[in-house]
Amino acid sequence: MPKLIINETEAQMVVIVDEARIDAAIATRFKDRLREIVLRGRKPVQLDMRRVDFMDSSGLGAMIAVRKALPEALPLVLDGLTPNVERVFRLTRMDGVFDIRPVATQQE
């Protein structure tokens, strides 16, 4: 099971991805678990990605599936992408689809 740490406030849900890799080995389980979490919460989601150093196309597909599962009005913010992961979003032009922000300071 992918390691996801959930910190929920009244206003939003912060999900820390505690995985070094989101690849074919865990992408389906990651997608299913994250989709379950964000749909249950029904509030804006900040996905803290700073511990993820590698993402392949399977991981990107999982992220797209989660985004599509959310109602349009509920934001999914990707926070603190590492250079390797940011490159995947940029090269596939998904950086224009996802709300990507630098590392937030309130975590941990």
PDB file of N, CA and C in Angstrom:
ATOM      1  N   MET A   1       0.849  -1.188   0.000  1.00  0.00           N
ATOM      2  CA  MET A   1       0.000   0.000   0.000  1.00  0.00           C
ATOM      3  C   MET A   1       0.890   1.245   0.000  1.00  0.00           C
ATOM      4  N   PRO A   2       0.638   2.179  -0.902  1.00  0.00           N
ATOM      5  CA  PRO A   2       1.424   3.414  -0.910  1.00  0.00           C
ATOM      6  C   PRO A   2       1.293   4.161   0.404  1.00  0.00           C
ATOM      7  N   LYS A   3       2.395   4.763   0.837  1.00  0.00           N
ATOM      8  CA  LYS A   3       2.393   5.497   2.101  1.00  0.00           C
ATOM      9  C   LYS A   3       1.918   6.927   1.871  1.00  0.00           C
ATOM     10  N   LEU A   4       0.747   7.226   2.409  1.00  0.00           N
ATOM     11  CA  LEU A   4       0.166   8.561   2.315  1.00  0.00           C
ATOM     12  C   LEU A   4      -0.176   9.011   3.732  1.00  0.00           C
ATOM     13  N   ILE A   5       0.306  10.186   4.096  1.00  0.00           N
ATOM     14  CA  ILE A   5       0.053  10.753   5.422  1.00  0.00           C
ATOM     15  C   ILE A   5      -0.973  11.863   5.242  1.00  0.00           C
ATOM     16  N   ILE A   6      -2.075  11.758   5.970  1.00  0.00           N
ATOM     17  CA  ILE A   6      -3.182  12.694   5.788  1.00  0.00           C
ATOM     18  C   ILE A   6      -3.276  13.641   6.980  1.00  0.00           C
ATOM     19  N   ASN A   7      -3.249  14.931   6.681  1.00  0.00           N
ATOM     20  CA  ASN A   7      -3.462  15.986   7.683  1.00  0.00           C
ATOM     21  C   ASN A   7      -4.651  16.801   7.201  1.00  0.00           C
ATOM     22  N   GLU A   8      -5.754  16.678   7.927  1.00  0.00           N
ATOM     23  CA  GLU A   8      -6.980  17.329   7.487  1.00  0.00           C
ATOM     24  C   GLU A   8      -7.343  18.485   8.409  1.00  0.00           C
ATOM     25  N   THR A   9      -7.686  19.614   7.801  1.00  0.00           N
ATOM     26  CA  THR A   9      -8.207  20.756   8.547  1.00  0.00           C
ATOM     27  C   THR A   9      -9.637  20.977   8.075  1.00  0.00           C
ATOM     28  N   GLU A  10     -10.290  21.946   8.656  1.00  0.00           N
ATOM     29  CA  GLU A  10     -11.650  22.241   8.225  1.00  0.00           C
ATOM     30  C   GLU A  10     -11.680  22.739   6.786  1.00  0.00           C
ATOM     31  N   ALA A  11     -10.638  23.462   6.394  1.00  0.00           N
ATOM     32  CA  ALA A  11     -10.611  24.094   5.079  1.00  0.00           C
ATOM     33  C   ALA A  11     -10.045  23.221   3.959  1.00  0.00           C
ATOM     34  N   GLN A  12      -9.103  22.349   4.287  1.00  0.00           N
ATOM     35  CA  GLN A  12      -8.451  21.572   3.228  1.00  0.00           C
ATOM     36  C   GLN A  12      -7.889  20.265   3.765  1.00  0.00           C
ATOM     37  N   MET A  13      -7.452  19.430   2.827  1.00  0.00           N
ATOM     38  CA  MET A  13      -6.807  18.178   3.164  1.00  0.00           C
ATOM     39  C   MET A  13      -5.391  18.222   2.584  1.00  0.00           C
ATOM     40  N   VAL A  14      -4.404  17.974   3.451  1.00  0.00           N
ATOM     41  CA  VAL A  14      -3.018  17.898   3.008  1.00  0.00           C
ATOM     42  C   VAL A  14      -2.635  16.424   3.020  1.00  0.00           C
ATOM     43  N   VAL A  15      -2.190  15.928   1.864  1.00  0.00           N
ATOM     44  CA  VAL A  15      -1.773  14.540   1.749  1.00  0.00           C
ATOM     45  C   VAL A  15      -0.279  14.540   1.420  1.00  0.00           C
ATOM     46  N   ILE A  16       0.509  13.980   2.335  1.00  0.00           N
ATOM     47  CA  ILE A  16       1.952  13.868   2.119  1.00  0.00           C
ATOM     48  C   ILE A  16       2.218  12.507   1.491  1.00  0.00           C
ATOM     49  N   VAL A  17       2.835  12.527   0.319  1.00  0.00           N
ATOM     50  CA  VAL A  17       3.186  11.279  -0.356  1.00  0.00           C
ATOM     51  C   VAL A  17       4.547  10.846   0.182  1.00  0.00           C
ATOM     52  N   ASP A  18       4.543   9.795   0.985  1.00  0.00           N
ATOM     53  CA  ASP A  18       5.767   9.307   1.632  1.00  0.00           C
ATOM     54  C   ASP A  18       6.336   8.130   0.834  1.00  0.00           C
ATOM     55  N   GLU A  19       6.587   8.377  -0.432  1.00  0.00           N
ATOM     56  CA  GLU A  19       7.146   7.386  -1.357  1.00  0.00           C
ATOM     57  C   GLU A  19       8.257   8.064  -2.151  1.00  0.00           C
ATOM     58  N   ALA A  20       9.335   7.347  -2.420  1.00  0.00           N
ATOM     59  CA  ALA A  20      10.409   7.895  -3.244  1.00  0.00           C
ATOM     60  C   ALA A  20      10.077   7.780  -4.734  1.00  0.00           C
ATOM     61  N   ARG A  21       9.241   6.796  -5.074  1.00  0.00           N
ATOM     62  CA  ARG A  21       8.920   6.547  -6.478  1.00  0.00           C
ATOM     63  C   ARG A  21       7.418   6.323  -6.661  1.00  0.00           C
ATOM     64  N   ILE A  22       6.883   6.932  -7.699  1.00  0.00           N
ATOM     65  CA  ILE A  22       5.519   6.604  -8.130  1.00  0.00           C
ATOM     66  C   ILE A  22       5.683   6.084  -9.550  1.00  0.00           C
ATOM     67  N   ASP A  23       5.718   4.757  -9.649  1.00  0.00           N
ATOM     68  CA  ASP A  23       5.982   4.114 -10.935  1.00  0.00           C
ATOM     69  C   ASP A  23       5.003   2.968 -11.141  1.00  0.00           C
ATOM     70  N   ALA A  24       5.234   2.178 -12.171  1.00  0.00           N
ATOM     71  CA  ALA A  24       4.323   1.091 -12.529  1.00  0.00           C
ATOM     72  C   ALA A  24       4.085   0.122 -11.375  1.00  0.00           C
ATOM     73  N   ALA A  25       5.066  -0.032 -10.499  1.00  0.00           N
ATOM     74  CA  ALA A  25       4.941  -0.979  -9.388  1.00  0.00           C
ATOM     75  C   ALA A  25       3.849  -0.576  -8.391  1.00  0.00           C
ATOM     76  N   ILE A  26       3.593   0.723  -8.227  1.00  0.00           N
ATOM     77  CA  ILE A  26       2.594   1.152  -7.239  1.00  0.00           C
ATOM     78  C   ILE A  26       1.520   2.079  -7.804  1.00  0.00           C
ATOM     79  N   ALA A  27       1.598   2.428  -9.068  1.00  0.00           N
ATOM     80  CA  ALA A  27       0.714   3.459  -9.630  1.00  0.00           C
ATOM     81  C   ALA A  27      -0.769   3.160  -9.444  1.00  0.00           C
ATOM     82  N   THR A  28      -1.198   1.940  -9.685  1.00  0.00           N
ATOM     83  CA  THR A  28      -2.623   1.615  -9.567  1.00  0.00           C
ATOM     84  C   THR A  28      -3.088   1.715  -8.124  1.00  0.00           C
ATOM     85  N   ARG A  29      -2.316   1.168  -7.204  1.00  0.00           N
ATOM     86  CA  ARG A  29      -2.682   1.244  -5.784  1.00  0.00           C
ATOM     87  C   ARG A  29      -2.643   2.698  -5.296  1.00  0.00           C
ATOM     88  N   PHE A  30      -1.643   3.457  -5.757  1.00  0.00           N
ATOM     89  CA  PHE A  30      -1.531   4.875  -5.411  1.00  0.00           C
ATOM     90  C   PHE A  30      -2.783   5.627  -5.873  1.00  0.00           C
ATOM     91  N   LYS A  31      -3.169   5.415  -7.124  1.00  0.00           N
ATOM     92  CA  LYS A  31      -4.344   6.085  -7.693  1.00  0.00           C
ATOM     93  C   LYS A  31      -5.604   5.728  -6.912  1.00  0.00           C
ATOM     94  N   ASP A  32      -5.808   4.447  -6.646  1.00  0.00           N
ATOM     95  CA  ASP A  32      -7.018   4.013  -5.947  1.00  0.00           C
ATOM     96  C   ASP A  32      -7.080   4.583  -4.534  1.00  0.00           C
ATOM     97  N   ARG A  33      -5.973   4.531  -3.823  1.00  0.00           N
ATOM     98  CA  ARG A  33      -5.924   5.023  -2.438  1.00  0.00           C
ATOM     99  C   ARG A  33      -6.119   6.539  -2.386  1.00  0.00           C
ATOM    100  N   LEU A  34      -5.417   7.259  -3.257  1.00  0.00           N
ATOM    101  CA  LEU A  34      -5.527   8.718  -3.261  1.00  0.00           C
ATOM    102  C   LEU A  34      -6.930   9.156  -3.683  1.00  0.00           C
ATOM    103  N   ARG A  35      -7.484   8.494  -4.676  1.00  0.00           N
ATOM    104  CA  ARG A  35      -8.836   8.851  -5.124  1.00  0.00           C
ATOM    105  C   ARG A  35      -9.843   8.627  -3.994  1.00  0.00           C
ATOM    106  N   GLU A  36      -9.699   7.525  -3.281  1.00  0.00           N
ATOM    107  CA  GLU A  36     -10.571   7.234  -2.140  1.00  0.00           C
ATOM    108  C   GLU A  36     -10.465   8.344  -1.081  1.00  0.00           C
ATOM    109  N   ILE A  37      -9.259   8.768  -0.780  1.00  0.00           N
ATOM    110  CA  ILE A  37      -9.024   9.803   0.235  1.00  0.00           C
ATOM    111  C   ILE A  37      -9.637  11.137  -0.181  1.00  0.00           C
ATOM    112  N   VAL A  38      -9.353  11.571  -1.397  1.00  0.00           N
ATOM    113  CA  VAL A  38      -9.808  12.909  -1.803  1.00  0.00           C
ATOM    114  C   VAL A  38     -11.312  12.959  -2.038  1.00  0.00           C
ATOM    115  N   LEU A  39     -11.902  11.874  -2.521  1.00  0.00           N
ATOM    116  CA  LEU A  39     -13.345  11.882  -2.731  1.00  0.00           C
ATOM    117  C   LEU A  39     -14.099  11.808  -1.406  1.00  0.00           C
ATOM    118  N   ARG A  40     -13.530  11.122  -0.431  1.00  0.00           N
ATOM    119  CA  ARG A  40     -14.153  11.038   0.890  1.00  0.00           C
ATOM    120  C   ARG A  40     -14.134  12.409   1.572  1.00  0.00           C
ATOM    121  N   GLY A  41     -13.028  13.139   1.418  1.00  0.00           N
ATOM    122  CA  GLY A  41     -12.870  14.428   2.081  1.00  0.00           C
ATOM    123  C   GLY A  41     -13.713  15.533   1.515  1.00  0.00           C
ATOM    124  N   ARG A  42     -13.946  15.518   0.214  1.00  0.00           N
ATOM    125  CA  ARG A  42     -14.759  16.543  -0.451  1.00  0.00           C
ATOM    126  C   ARG A  42     -14.342  17.968  -0.115  1.00  0.00           C
ATOM    127  N   LYS A  43     -13.027  18.208  -0.097  1.00  0.00           N
ATOM    128  CA  LYS A  43     -12.514  19.558   0.147  1.00  0.00           C
ATOM    129  C   LYS A  43     -11.233  19.720  -0.662  1.00  0.00           C
ATOM    130  N   PRO A  44     -10.735  20.948  -0.816  1.00  0.00           N
ATOM    131  CA  PRO A  44      -9.498  21.163  -1.570  1.00  0.00           C
ATOM    132  C   PRO A  44      -8.361  20.281  -1.037  1.00  0.00           C
ATOM    133  N   VAL A  45      -7.536  19.793  -1.976  1.00  0.00           N
ATOM    134  CA  VAL A  45      -6.448  18.880  -1.629  1.00  0.00           C
ATOM    135  C   VAL A  45      -5.105  19.494  -2.002  1.00  0.00           C
ATOM    136  N   GLN A  46      -4.207  19.491  -1.035  1.00  0.00           N
ATOM    137  CA  GLN A  46      -2.811  19.873  -1.288  1.00  0.00           C
ATOM    138  C   GLN A  46      -2.010  18.582  -1.207  1.00  0.00           C
ATOM    139  N   LEU A  47      -1.370  18.214  -2.301  1.00  0.00           N
ATOM    140  CA  LEU A  47      -0.595  16.981  -2.360  1.00  0.00           C
ATOM    141  C   LEU A  47       0.879  17.333  -2.227  1.00  0.00           C
ATOM    142  N   ASP A  48       1.454  17.008  -1.080  1.00  0.00           N
ATOM    143  CA  ASP A  48       2.859  17.303  -0.792  1.00  0.00           C
ATOM    144  C   ASP A  48       3.721  16.219  -1.438  1.00  0.00           C
ATOM    145  N   MET A  49       4.440  16.602  -2.491  1.00  0.00           N
ATOM    146  CA  MET A  49       5.187  15.638  -3.309  1.00  0.00           C
ATOM    147  C   MET A  49       6.697  15.711  -3.095  1.00  0.00           C
ATOM    148  N   ARG A  50       7.161  16.428  -2.084  1.00  0.00           N
ATOM    149  CA  ARG A  50       8.608  16.670  -1.987  1.00  0.00           C
ATOM    150  C   ARG A  50       9.443  15.433  -1.687  1.00  0.00           C
ATOM    151  N   ARG A  51       8.817  14.345  -1.229  1.00  0.00           N
ATOM    152  CA  ARG A  51       9.574  13.109  -0.968  1.00  0.00           C
ATOM    153  C   ARG A  51       9.651  12.203  -2.189  1.00  0.00           C
ATOM    154  N   VAL A  52       8.917  12.558  -3.246  1.00  0.00           N
ATOM    155  CA  VAL A  52       8.890  11.745  -4.465  1.00  0.00           C
ATOM    156  C   VAL A  52      10.012  12.207  -5.386  1.00  0.00           C
ATOM    157  N   ASP A  53      10.960  11.316  -5.653  1.00  0.00           N
ATOM    158  CA  ASP A  53      12.094  11.671  -6.493  1.00  0.00           C
ATOM    159  C   ASP A  53      11.965  11.155  -7.921  1.00  0.00           C
ATOM    160  N   PHE A  54      11.030  10.218  -8.142  1.00  0.00           N
ATOM    161  CA  PHE A  54      10.885   9.641  -9.478  1.00  0.00           C
ATOM    162  C   PHE A  54       9.419   9.355  -9.762  1.00  0.00           C
ATOM    163  N   MET A  55       8.986   9.719 -10.975  1.00  0.00           N
ATOM    164  CA  MET A  55       7.646   9.388 -11.426  1.00  0.00           C
ATOM    165  C   MET A  55       7.727   9.020 -12.898  1.00  0.00           C
ATOM    166  N   ASP A  56       7.146   7.871 -13.249  1.00  0.00           N
ATOM    167  CA  ASP A  56       7.121   7.493 -14.656  1.00  0.00           C
ATOM    168  C   ASP A  56       5.733   7.776 -15.239  1.00  0.00           C
ATOM    169  N   SER A  57       5.492   7.336 -16.460  1.00  0.00           N
ATOM    170  CA  SER A  57       4.219   7.617 -17.119  1.00  0.00           C
ATOM    171  C   SER A  57       3.043   6.967 -16.387  1.00  0.00           C
ATOM    172  N   SER A  58       3.284   5.831 -15.729  1.00  0.00           N
ATOM    173  CA  SER A  58       2.217   5.194 -14.945  1.00  0.00           C
ATOM    174  C   SER A  58       1.818   6.082 -13.770  1.00  0.00           C
ATOM    175  N   GLY A  59       2.806   6.673 -13.124  1.00  0.00           N
ATOM    176  CA  GLY A  59       2.535   7.589 -12.020  1.00  0.00           C
ATOM    177  C   GLY A  59       1.797   8.827 -12.491  1.00  0.00           C
ATOM    178  N   LEU A  60       2.213   9.350 -13.638  1.00  0.00           N
ATOM    179  CA  LEU A  60       1.541  10.521 -14.202  1.00  0.00           C
ATOM    180  C   LEU A  60       0.095  10.178 -14.544  1.00  0.00           C
ATOM    181  N   GLY A  61      -0.121   9.002 -15.117  1.00  0.00           N
ATOM    182  CA  GLY A  61      -1.479   8.559 -15.430  1.00  0.00           C
ATOM    183  C   GLY A  61      -2.340   8.463 -14.184  1.00  0.00           C
ATOM    184  N   ALA A  62      -1.744   8.001 -13.094  1.00  0.00           N
ATOM    185  CA  ALA A  62      -2.470   7.915 -11.823  1.00  0.00           C
ATOM    186  C   ALA A  62      -2.878   9.300 -11.335  1.00  0.00           C
ATOM    187  N   MET A  63      -1.971  10.260 -11.463  1.00  0.00           N
ATOM    188  CA  MET A  63      -2.265  11.634 -11.044  1.00  0.00           C
ATOM    189  C   MET A  63      -3.400  12.229 -11.890  1.00  0.00           C
ATOM    190  N   ILE A  64      -3.370  11.974 -13.182  1.00  0.00           N
ATOM    191  CA  ILE A  64      -4.418  12.480 -14.077  1.00  0.00           C
ATOM    192  C   ILE A  64      -5.766  11.857 -13.719  1.00  0.00           C
ATOM    193  N   ALA A  65      -5.773  10.560 -13.424  1.00  0.00           N
ATOM    194  CA  ALA A  65      -7.019   9.878 -13.054  1.00  0.00           C
ATOM    195  C   ALA A  65      -7.606  10.459 -11.770  1.00  0.00           C
ATOM    196  N   VAL A  66      -6.754  10.770 -10.803  1.00  0.00           N
ATOM    197  CA  VAL A  66      -7.233  11.367  -9.553  1.00  0.00           C
ATOM    198  C   VAL A  66      -7.808  12.753  -9.825  1.00  0.00           C
ATOM    199  N   ARG A  67      -7.107  13.548 -10.641  1.00  0.00           N
ATOM    200  CA  ARG A  67      -7.597  14.895 -10.976  1.00  0.00           C
ATOM    201  C   ARG A  67      -8.966  14.810 -11.658  1.00  0.00           C
ATOM    202  N   LYS A  68      -9.116  13.859 -12.577  1.00  0.00           N
ATOM    203  CA  LYS A  68     -10.383  13.713 -13.293  1.00  0.00           C
ATOM    204  C   LYS A  68     -11.511  13.251 -12.377  1.00  0.00           C
ATOM    205  N   ALA A  69     -11.172  12.512 -11.334  1.00  0.00           N
ATOM    206  CA  ALA A  69     -12.191  12.000 -10.406  1.00  0.00           C
ATOM    207  C   ALA A  69     -12.746  13.096  -9.507  1.00  0.00           C
ATOM    208  N   LEU A  70     -11.972  14.154  -9.313  1.00  0.00           N
ATOM    209  CA  LEU A  70     -12.412  15.254  -8.461  1.00  0.00           C
ATOM    210  C   LEU A  70     -13.362  16.179  -9.208  1.00  0.00           C
ATOM    211  N   PRO A  71     -14.362  16.705  -8.515  1.00  0.00           N
ATOM    212  CA  PRO A  71     -15.183  17.734  -9.157  1.00  0.00           C
ATOM    213  C   PRO A  71     -14.303  18.926  -9.551  1.00  0.00           C
ATOM    214  N   GLU A  72     -14.634  19.557 -10.635  1.00  0.00           N
ATOM    215  CA  GLU A  72     -13.840  20.679 -11.157  1.00  0.00           C
ATOM    216  C   GLU A  72     -13.635  21.779 -10.120  1.00  0.00           C
ATOM    217  N   ALA A  73     -14.639  21.976  -9.272  1.00  0.00           N
ATOM    218  CA  ALA A  73     -14.568  23.048  -8.270  1.00  0.00           C
ATOM    219  C   ALA A  73     -13.595  22.738  -7.129  1.00  0.00           C
ATOM    220  N   LEU A  74     -13.210  21.490  -6.967  1.00  0.00           N
ATOM    221  CA  LEU A  74     -12.286  21.128  -5.890  1.00  0.00           C
ATOM    222  C   LEU A  74     -10.858  21.145  -6.407  1.00  0.00           C
ATOM    223  N   PRO A  75     -10.030  22.051  -5.905  1.00  0.00           N
ATOM    224  CA  PRO A  75      -8.652  22.108  -6.396  1.00  0.00           C
ATOM    225  C   PRO A  75      -7.794  20.947  -5.900  1.00  0.00           C
ATOM    226  N   LEU A  76      -6.859  20.561  -6.740  1.00  0.00           N
ATOM    227  CA  LEU A  76      -5.807  19.606  -6.383  1.00  0.00           C
ATOM    228  C   LEU A  76      -4.496  20.328  -6.655  1.00  0.00           C
ATOM    229  N   VAL A  77      -3.834  20.743  -5.575  1.00  0.00           N
ATOM    230  CA  VAL A  77      -2.586  21.493  -5.690  1.00  0.00           C
ATOM    231  C   VAL A  77      -1.420  20.541  -5.449  1.00  0.00           C
ATOM    232  N   LEU A  78      -0.463  20.527  -6.378  1.00  0.00           N
ATOM    233  CA  LEU A  78       0.748  19.724  -6.216  1.00  0.00           C
ATOM    234  C   LEU A  78       1.811  20.637  -5.629  1.00  0.00           C
ATOM    235  N   ASP A  79       2.340  20.219  -4.498  1.00  0.00           N
ATOM    236  CA  ASP A  79       3.229  21.070  -3.718  1.00  0.00           C
ATOM    237  C   ASP A  79       4.624  20.453  -3.649  1.00  0.00           C
ATOM    238  N   GLY A  80       5.634  21.247  -3.957  1.00  0.00           N
ATOM    239  CA  GLY A  80       7.019  20.843  -3.732  1.00  0.00           C
ATOM    240  C   GLY A  80       7.538  19.730  -4.612  1.00  0.00           C
ATOM    241  N   LEU A  81       7.274  19.817  -5.915  1.00  0.00           N
ATOM    242  CA  LEU A  81       7.797  18.787  -6.813  1.00  0.00           C
ATOM    243  C   LEU A  81       9.316  18.827  -6.865  1.00  0.00           C
ATOM    244  N   THR A  82       9.930  17.660  -6.831  1.00  0.00           N
ATOM    245  CA  THR A  82      11.375  17.585  -7.017  1.00  0.00           C
ATOM    246  C   THR A  82      11.675  17.857  -8.497  1.00  0.00           C
ATOM    247  N   PRO A  83      12.898  18.232  -8.840  1.00  0.00           N
ATOM    248  CA  PRO A  83      13.210  18.525 -10.246  1.00  0.00           C
ATOM    249  C   PRO A  83      12.876  17.380 -11.199  1.00  0.00           C
ATOM    250  N   ASN A  84      13.143  16.137 -10.805  1.00  0.00           N
ATOM    251  CA  ASN A  84      12.842  14.992 -11.678  1.00  0.00           C
ATOM    252  C   ASN A  84      11.352  14.861 -11.957  1.00  0.00           C
ATOM    253  N   VAL A  85      10.548  15.038 -10.926  1.00  0.00           N
ATOM    254  CA  VAL A  85       9.094  14.910 -11.082  1.00  0.00           C
ATOM    255  C   VAL A  85       8.539  16.115 -11.832  1.00  0.00           C
ATOM    256  N   GLU A  86       9.034  17.288 -11.527  1.00  0.00           N
ATOM    257  CA  GLU A  86       8.587  18.489 -12.235  1.00  0.00           C
ATOM    258  C   GLU A  86       8.863  18.371 -13.736  1.00  0.00           C
ATOM    259  N   ARG A  87       9.986  17.781 -14.079  1.00  0.00           N
ATOM    260  CA  ARG A  87      10.349  17.587 -15.490  1.00  0.00           C
ATOM    261  C   ARG A  87       9.311  16.723 -16.208  1.00  0.00           C
ATOM    262  N   VAL A  88       8.805  15.683 -15.560  1.00  0.00           N
ATOM    263  CA  VAL A  88       7.784  14.817 -16.163  1.00  0.00           C
ATOM    264  C   VAL A  88       6.535  15.638 -16.482  1.00  0.00           C
ATOM    265  N   PHE A  89       6.118  16.484 -15.557  1.00  0.00           N
ATOM    266  CA  PHE A  89       4.933  17.323 -15.790  1.00  0.00           C
ATOM    267  C   PHE A  89       5.193  18.339 -16.903  1.00  0.00           C
ATOM    268  N   ARG A  90       6.383  18.919 -16.911  1.00  0.00           N
ATOM    269  CA  ARG A  90       6.709  19.921 -17.921  1.00  0.00           C
ATOM    270  C   ARG A  90       6.808  19.308 -19.325  1.00  0.00           C
ATOM    271  N   LEU A  91       7.513  18.185 -19.446  1.00  0.00           N
ATOM    272  CA  LEU A  91       7.709  17.560 -20.757  1.00  0.00           C
ATOM    273  C   LEU A  91       6.410  17.057 -21.374  1.00  0.00           C
ATOM    274  N   THR A  92       5.467  16.666 -20.536  1.00  0.00           N
ATOM    275  CA  THR A  92       4.176  16.181 -21.034  1.00  0.00           C
ATOM    276  C   THR A  92       3.133  17.304 -21.099  1.00  0.00           C
ATOM    277  N   ARG A  93       3.566  18.495 -20.756  1.00  0.00           N
ATOM    278  CA  ARG A  93       2.715  19.690 -20.729  1.00  0.00           C
ATOM    279  C   ARG A  93       1.573  19.587 -19.723  1.00  0.00           C
ATOM    280  N   MET A  94       1.728  18.722 -18.757  1.00  0.00           N
ATOM    281  CA  MET A  94       0.735  18.601 -17.689  1.00  0.00           C
ATOM    282  C   MET A  94       0.926  19.686 -16.634  1.00  0.00           C
ATOM    283  N   ASP A  95       2.019  20.432 -16.735  1.00  0.00           N
ATOM    284  CA  ASP A  95       2.222  21.548 -15.807  1.00  0.00           C
ATOM    285  C   ASP A  95       1.200  22.656 -16.054  1.00  0.00           C
ATOM    286  N   GLY A  96       0.572  22.642 -17.227  1.00  0.00           N
ATOM    287  CA  GLY A  96      -0.492  23.591 -17.512  1.00  0.00           C
ATOM    288  C   GLY A  96      -1.859  23.099 -17.060  1.00  0.00           C
ATOM    289  N   VAL A  97      -1.965  21.818 -16.751  1.00  0.00           N
ATOM    290  CA  VAL A  97      -3.220  21.211 -16.323  1.00  0.00           C
ATOM    291  C   VAL A  97      -3.333  21.206 -14.799  1.00  0.00           C
ATOM    292  N   PHE A  98      -2.200  20.923 -14.144  1.00  0.00           N
ATOM    293  CA  PHE A  98      -2.171  20.845 -12.686  1.00  0.00           C
ATOM    294  C   PHE A  98      -1.721  22.166 -12.087  1.00  0.00           C
ATOM    295  N   ASP A  99      -2.220  22.451 -10.893  1.00  0.00           N
ATOM    296  CA  ASP A  99      -1.802  23.620 -10.127  1.00  0.00           C
ATOM    297  C   ASP A  99      -0.556  23.200  -9.338  1.00  0.00           C
ATOM    298  N   ILE A 100       0.614  23.622  -9.807  1.00  0.00           N
ATOM    299  CA  ILE A 100       1.885  23.226  -9.196  1.00  0.00           C
ATOM    300  C   ILE A 100       2.465  24.425  -8.463  1.00  0.00           C
ATOM    301  N   ARG A 101       2.806  24.202  -7.193  1.00  0.00           N
ATOM    302  CA  ARG A 101       3.347  25.284  -6.360  1.00  0.00           C
ATOM    303  C   ARG A 101       4.633  24.847  -5.683  1.00  0.00           C
ATOM    304  N   PRO A 102       5.453  25.821  -5.277  1.00  0.00           N
ATOM    305  CA  PRO A 102       6.667  25.488  -4.535  1.00  0.00           C
ATOM    306  C   PRO A 102       6.322  24.933  -3.150  1.00  0.00           C
ATOM    307  N   VAL A 103       7.285  24.389  -2.479  1.00  0.00           N
ATOM    308  CA  VAL A 103       7.083  23.770  -1.164  1.00  0.00           C
ATOM    309  C   VAL A 103       6.451  24.774  -0.196  1.00  0.00           C
ATOM    310  N   ALA A 104       5.384  24.340   0.467  1.00  0.00           N
ATOM    311  CA  ALA A 104       4.756  25.155   1.505  1.00  0.00           C
ATOM    312  C   ALA A 104       5.587  25.027   2.774  1.00  0.00           C
ATOM    313  N   THR A 105       5.497  26.004   3.635  1.00  0.00           N
ATOM    314  CA  THR A 105       6.355  26.014   4.826  1.00  0.00           C
ATOM    315  C   THR A 105       5.677  25.445   6.064  1.00  0.00           C
ATOM    316  N   GLN A 106       4.364  25.229   6.031  1.00  0.00           N
ATOM    317  CA  GLN A 106       3.698  24.813   7.251  1.00  0.00           C
ATOM    318  C   GLN A 106       3.819  23.321   7.548  1.00  0.00           C
ATOM    319  N   GLN A 107       4.287  22.509   6.654  1.00  0.00           N
ATOM    320  CA  GLN A 107       4.346  21.072   6.841  1.00  0.00           C
ATOM    321  C   GLN A 107       5.410  20.638   7.824  1.00  0.00           C
ATOM    322  N   GLU A 108       5.201  19.445   8.386  1.00  0.00           N
ATOM    323  CA  GLU A 108       6.111  18.731   9.255  1.00  0.00           C
ATOM    324  C   GLU A 108       6.390  19.529  10.458  1.00  0.00           C
TER     325      GLU A 108
END
